[in-house]
Amino acid sequence: MKNKDVRASIKNAGFYQWQVAEFMGIHEVKFSRKMRHELSLEEKQRIFEAIEKLSKEEK
């Protein structure tokens, strides 16, 4: 499976992919399509940062 680290991070934070996509301003379908292929380190870092910010907002 592609992007296991990203998927695990989203799951461990208690979110769904659509929530992260919405927070990042990306349509959930586009986000899902991007996840089909291994993301660049820069893209992954942006997603990890979004998960962290979203986690802080939810608390």
C-alpha atoms as a PDB file:
ATOM      1  CA  MET A   1       0.000   0.000   0.000  1.00  0.00           C
ATOM      2  CA  LYS A   2       1.271   3.445  -0.894  1.00  0.00           C
ATOM      3  CA  ASN A   3       1.846   6.178   1.708  1.00  0.00           C
ATOM      4  CA  LYS A   4       1.504   3.865   4.699  1.00  0.00           C
ATOM      5  CA  ASP A   5       3.116   6.455   6.954  1.00  0.00           C
ATOM      6  CA  VAL A   6       0.620   9.129   5.935  1.00  0.00           C
ATOM      7  CA  ARG A   7      -2.354   6.794   6.251  1.00  0.00           C
ATOM      8  CA  ALA A   8      -1.177   5.625   9.677  1.00  0.00           C
ATOM      9  CA  SER A   9      -0.663   9.197  10.846  1.00  0.00           C
ATOM     10  CA  ILE A  10      -4.178  10.186   9.793  1.00  0.00           C
ATOM     11  CA  LYS A  11      -5.672   7.113  11.467  1.00  0.00           C
ATOM     12  CA  ASN A  12      -3.643   7.483  14.670  1.00  0.00           C
ATOM     13  CA  ALA A  13      -4.750  11.116  14.951  1.00  0.00           C
ATOM     14  CA  GLY A  14      -8.363   9.933  14.759  1.00  0.00           C
ATOM     15  CA  PHE A  15      -9.205  11.604  11.466  1.00  0.00           C
ATOM     16  CA  TYR A  16     -10.463  10.530   8.068  1.00  0.00           C
ATOM     17  CA  GLN A  17      -8.700  11.445   4.839  1.00  0.00           C
ATOM     18  CA  TRP A  18     -11.540  13.768   3.853  1.00  0.00           C
ATOM     19  CA  GLN A  19     -11.055  15.789   7.042  1.00  0.00           C
ATOM     20  CA  VAL A  20      -7.369  16.337   6.323  1.00  0.00           C
ATOM     21  CA  ALA A  21      -8.122  17.180   2.694  1.00  0.00           C
ATOM     22  CA  GLU A  22     -10.784  19.690   3.724  1.00  0.00           C
ATOM     23  CA  PHE A  23      -8.416  21.297   6.234  1.00  0.00           C
ATOM     24  CA  MET A  24      -5.766  21.614   3.510  1.00  0.00           C
ATOM     25  CA  GLY A  25      -8.246  23.097   1.051  1.00  0.00           C
ATOM     26  CA  ILE A  26      -8.053  20.099  -1.286  1.00  0.00           C
ATOM     27  CA  HIS A  27     -11.119  18.289  -2.602  1.00  0.00           C
ATOM     28  CA  GLU A  28     -11.355  14.852  -1.008  1.00  0.00           C
ATOM     29  CA  VAL A  29     -11.365  13.113  -4.415  1.00  0.00           C
ATOM     30  CA  LYS A  30      -8.142  14.848  -5.437  1.00  0.00           C
ATOM     31  CA  PHE A  31      -6.552  13.949  -2.096  1.00  0.00           C
ATOM     32  CA  SER A  32      -7.607  10.315  -2.501  1.00  0.00           C
ATOM     33  CA  ARG A  33      -6.159  10.191  -6.018  1.00  0.00           C
ATOM     34  CA  LYS A  34      -2.870  11.673  -4.805  1.00  0.00           C
ATOM     35  CA  MET A  35      -2.674   8.958  -2.160  1.00  0.00           C
ATOM     36  CA  ARG A  36      -2.717   6.245  -4.849  1.00  0.00           C
ATOM     37  CA  HIS A  37       0.909   7.038  -5.691  1.00  0.00           C
ATOM     38  CA  GLU A  38       3.806   7.504  -3.322  1.00  0.00           C
ATOM     39  CA  LEU A  39       3.966  11.181  -2.367  1.00  0.00           C
ATOM     40  CA  SER A  40       7.108  13.286  -2.344  1.00  0.00           C
ATOM     41  CA  LEU A  41       8.700  14.088   0.999  1.00  0.00           C
ATOM     42  CA  GLU A  42       7.515  17.696   0.656  1.00  0.00           C
ATOM     43  CA  GLU A  43       3.906  16.635   0.114  1.00  0.00           C
ATOM     44  CA  LYS A  44       4.059  14.260   3.042  1.00  0.00           C
ATOM     45  CA  GLN A  45       5.497  16.971   5.269  1.00  0.00           C
ATOM     46  CA  ARG A  46       2.613  19.318   4.353  1.00  0.00           C
ATOM     47  CA  ILE A  47       0.117  16.598   5.244  1.00  0.00           C
ATOM     48  CA  PHE A  48       1.853  15.826   8.554  1.00  0.00           C
ATOM     49  CA  GLU A  49       1.804  19.528   9.420  1.00  0.00           C
ATOM     50  CA  ALA A  50      -1.891  19.733   8.549  1.00  0.00           C
ATOM     51  CA  ILE A  51      -2.638  16.724  10.771  1.00  0.00           C
ATOM     52  CA  GLU A  52      -0.740  18.349  13.632  1.00  0.00           C
ATOM     53  CA  LYS A  53      -2.571  21.673  13.228  1.00  0.00           C
ATOM     54  CA  LEU A  54      -5.925  19.932  12.882  1.00  0.00           C
ATOM     55  CA  SER A  55      -5.219  17.933  16.061  1.00  0.00           C
ATOM     56  CA  LYS A  56      -4.499  21.131  17.964  1.00  0.00           C
ATOM     57  CA  GLU A  57      -7.720  22.715  16.733  1.00  0.00           C
ATOM     58  CA  GLU A  58      -9.789  19.685  17.753  1.00  0.00           C
ATOM     59  CA  LYS A  59      -8.528  19.761  21.356  1.00  0.00           C
END
